[in-house]
């Protein structure tokens, strides 16, 4: 791979990382639930890609890494849905407490 191309990819990755951190840091708490839903959708795309990689079984390394990617993505999706459910339940009107 060309060194200039590798440096360009690295530059874009670092820039996207800092931009993503700044955007997420400045999100108000009321918007965290929609942001988590979007993150779950992105993780679902990662699951599909990692299933394809693991299913190809070209080498043992790609199969193992694909399986690890499926596992990590599924943990991310399930925990994201649990957090989203918990946050949404905080906004529901509950039954009045009997005294």
C-alpha atoms as a PDB file:
ATOM      1  CA  UNK A   1       0.000   0.000   0.000  1.00  0.00           C
ATOM      2  CA  UNK A   2       1.248   3.461  -0.833  1.00  0.00           C
ATOM      3  CA  UNK A   3       2.536   5.431   2.187  1.00  0.00           C
ATOM      4  CA  UNK A   4       0.676   8.586   1.134  1.00  0.00           C
ATOM      5  CA  UNK A   5      -2.591   6.675   0.933  1.00  0.00           C
ATOM      6  CA  UNK A   6      -1.981   5.134   4.358  1.00  0.00           C
ATOM      7  CA  UNK A   7      -1.284   8.571   5.860  1.00  0.00           C
ATOM      8  CA  UNK A   8      -4.459   9.930   4.264  1.00  0.00           C
ATOM      9  CA  UNK A   9      -6.508   7.103   5.788  1.00  0.00           C
ATOM     10  CA  UNK A  10      -4.886   7.685   9.168  1.00  0.00           C
ATOM     11  CA  UNK A  11      -5.579  11.432   8.939  1.00  0.00           C
ATOM     12  CA  UNK A  12      -9.248  10.862   8.107  1.00  0.00           C
ATOM     13  CA  UNK A  13      -9.583   8.327  10.944  1.00  0.00           C
ATOM     14  CA  UNK A  14      -8.052  10.661  13.538  1.00  0.00           C
ATOM     15  CA  UNK A  15     -10.115  13.615  12.319  1.00  0.00           C
ATOM     16  CA  UNK A  16     -13.333  11.563  12.407  1.00  0.00           C
ATOM     17  CA  UNK A  17     -12.495  10.338  15.911  1.00  0.00           C
ATOM     18  CA  UNK A  18     -12.012  13.828  17.319  1.00  0.00           C
ATOM     19  CA  UNK A  19     -15.052  15.174  15.496  1.00  0.00           C
ATOM     20  CA  UNK A  20     -17.203  12.298  16.764  1.00  0.00           C
ATOM     21  CA  UNK A  21     -16.030  12.805  20.337  1.00  0.00           C
ATOM     22  CA  UNK A  22     -16.815  16.521  20.203  1.00  0.00           C
ATOM     23  CA  UNK A  23     -20.258  15.959  18.723  1.00  0.00           C
ATOM     24  CA  UNK A  24     -21.217  13.301  21.260  1.00  0.00           C
ATOM     25  CA  UNK A  25     -19.851  15.342  24.146  1.00  0.00           C
ATOM     26  CA  UNK A  26     -22.053  18.294  23.259  1.00  0.00           C
ATOM     27  CA  UNK A  27     -25.308  16.340  22.854  1.00  0.00           C
ATOM     28  CA  UNK A  28     -27.948  17.328  25.384  1.00  0.00           C
ATOM     29  CA  UNK A  29     -29.245  14.554  27.668  1.00  0.00           C
ATOM     30  CA  UNK A  30     -32.679  14.690  25.979  1.00  0.00           C
ATOM     31  CA  UNK A  31     -31.126  13.565  22.692  1.00  0.00           C
ATOM     32  CA  UNK A  32     -29.159  10.605  24.035  1.00  0.00           C
ATOM     33  CA  UNK A  33     -31.965   8.117  23.346  1.00  0.00           C
ATOM     34  CA  UNK A  34     -32.221   8.925  19.604  1.00  0.00           C
ATOM     35  CA  UNK A  35     -28.430   8.889  19.434  1.00  0.00           C
ATOM     36  CA  UNK A  36     -28.367   5.406  20.982  1.00  0.00           C
ATOM     37  CA  UNK A  37     -30.952   4.222  18.445  1.00  0.00           C
ATOM     38  CA  UNK A  38     -28.740   5.454  15.621  1.00  0.00           C
ATOM     39  CA  UNK A  39     -25.730   3.745  17.174  1.00  0.00           C
ATOM     40  CA  UNK A  40     -27.687   0.484  17.344  1.00  0.00           C
ATOM     41  CA  UNK A  41     -28.489   0.764  13.642  1.00  0.00           C
ATOM     42  CA  UNK A  42     -24.810   1.271  12.826  1.00  0.00           C
ATOM     43  CA  UNK A  43     -23.919  -1.736  14.982  1.00  0.00           C
ATOM     44  CA  UNK A  44     -26.464  -3.823  13.091  1.00  0.00           C
ATOM     45  CA  UNK A  45     -24.603  -3.006   9.880  1.00  0.00           C
ATOM     46  CA  UNK A  46     -21.368  -4.091  11.579  1.00  0.00           C
ATOM     47  CA  UNK A  47     -22.990  -7.402  12.563  1.00  0.00           C
ATOM     48  CA  UNK A  48     -23.972  -8.122   8.974  1.00  0.00           C
ATOM     49  CA  UNK A  49     -20.459  -7.323   7.752  1.00  0.00           C
ATOM     50  CA  UNK A  50     -18.793  -9.436  10.416  1.00  0.00           C
ATOM     51  CA  UNK A  51     -21.122 -12.375   9.711  1.00  0.00           C
ATOM     52  CA  UNK A  52     -20.088 -12.184   6.057  1.00  0.00           C
ATOM     53  CA  UNK A  53     -16.399 -12.127   7.005  1.00  0.00           C
ATOM     54  CA  UNK A  54     -16.743 -15.000   9.478  1.00  0.00           C
ATOM     55  CA  UNK A  55     -18.820 -17.018   7.010  1.00  0.00           C
ATOM     56  CA  UNK A  56     -16.291 -16.802   4.192  1.00  0.00           C
ATOM     57  CA  UNK A  57     -13.804 -18.918   6.175  1.00  0.00           C
ATOM     58  CA  UNK A  58     -10.877 -17.935   3.979  1.00  0.00           C
ATOM     59  CA  UNK A  59      -8.352 -18.331   6.779  1.00  0.00           C
ATOM     60  CA  UNK A  60      -8.536 -19.231  10.431  1.00  0.00           C
ATOM     61  CA  UNK A  61      -7.559 -15.683  11.388  1.00  0.00           C
ATOM     62  CA  UNK A  62     -10.421 -14.075   9.445  1.00  0.00           C
ATOM     63  CA  UNK A  63     -12.883 -16.586  10.875  1.00  0.00           C
ATOM     64  CA  UNK A  64     -11.759 -15.898  14.446  1.00  0.00           C
ATOM     65  CA  UNK A  65     -11.716 -12.117  13.961  1.00  0.00           C
ATOM     66  CA  UNK A  66     -15.114 -12.225  12.261  1.00  0.00           C
ATOM     67  CA  UNK A  67     -16.546 -14.240  15.145  1.00  0.00           C
ATOM     68  CA  UNK A  68     -15.087 -11.795  17.672  1.00  0.00           C
ATOM     69  CA  UNK A  69     -16.580  -8.919  15.684  1.00  0.00           C
ATOM     70  CA  UNK A  70     -20.005 -10.593  15.685  1.00  0.00           C
ATOM     71  CA  UNK A  71     -19.775 -11.089  19.451  1.00  0.00           C
ATOM     72  CA  UNK A  72     -18.673  -7.514  20.160  1.00  0.00           C
ATOM     73  CA  UNK A  73     -21.320  -6.031  17.878  1.00  0.00           C
ATOM     74  CA  UNK A  74     -24.091  -8.112  19.412  1.00  0.00           C
ATOM     75  CA  UNK A  75     -23.027  -7.097  22.931  1.00  0.00           C
ATOM     76  CA  UNK A  76     -23.115  -3.484  21.769  1.00  0.00           C
ATOM     77  CA  UNK A  77     -26.587  -3.838  20.238  1.00  0.00           C
ATOM     78  CA  UNK A  78     -28.138  -5.634  23.208  1.00  0.00           C
ATOM     79  CA  UNK A  79     -26.678  -3.242  25.774  1.00  0.00           C
ATOM     80  CA  UNK A  80     -27.707  -0.277  23.624  1.00  0.00           C
ATOM     81  CA  UNK A  81     -31.291  -1.476  23.512  1.00  0.00           C
ATOM     82  CA  UNK A  82     -31.287  -2.077  27.270  1.00  0.00           C
ATOM     83  CA  UNK A  83     -29.977   1.431  27.912  1.00  0.00           C
ATOM     84  CA  UNK A  84     -32.488   2.939  25.481  1.00  0.00           C
ATOM     85  CA  UNK A  85     -35.346   1.037  27.138  1.00  0.00           C
ATOM     86  CA  UNK A  86     -34.247   2.216  30.574  1.00  0.00           C
ATOM     87  CA  UNK A  87     -33.947   5.820  29.446  1.00  0.00           C
ATOM     88  CA  UNK A  88     -37.356   5.767  27.786  1.00  0.00           C
ATOM     89  CA  UNK A  89     -38.939   4.260  30.895  1.00  0.00           C
ATOM     90  CA  UNK A  90     -37.639   7.222  32.892  1.00  0.00           C
ATOM     91  CA  UNK A  91     -39.853   9.543  30.824  1.00  0.00           C
ATOM     92  CA  UNK A  92     -43.048   7.503  31.240  1.00  0.00           C
ATOM     93  CA  UNK A  93     -45.577   8.650  33.759  1.00  0.00           C
ATOM     94  CA  UNK A  94     -45.642   6.132  36.540  1.00  0.00           C
ATOM     95  CA  UNK A  95     -48.456   5.109  38.806  1.00  0.00           C
ATOM     96  CA  UNK A  96     -48.855   7.393  41.799  1.00  0.00           C
ATOM     97  CA  UNK A  97     -47.324   6.067  44.948  1.00  0.00           C
ATOM     98  CA  UNK A  98     -49.901   5.090  47.577  1.00  0.00           C
ATOM     99  CA  UNK A  99     -49.190   6.417  51.024  1.00  0.00           C
END
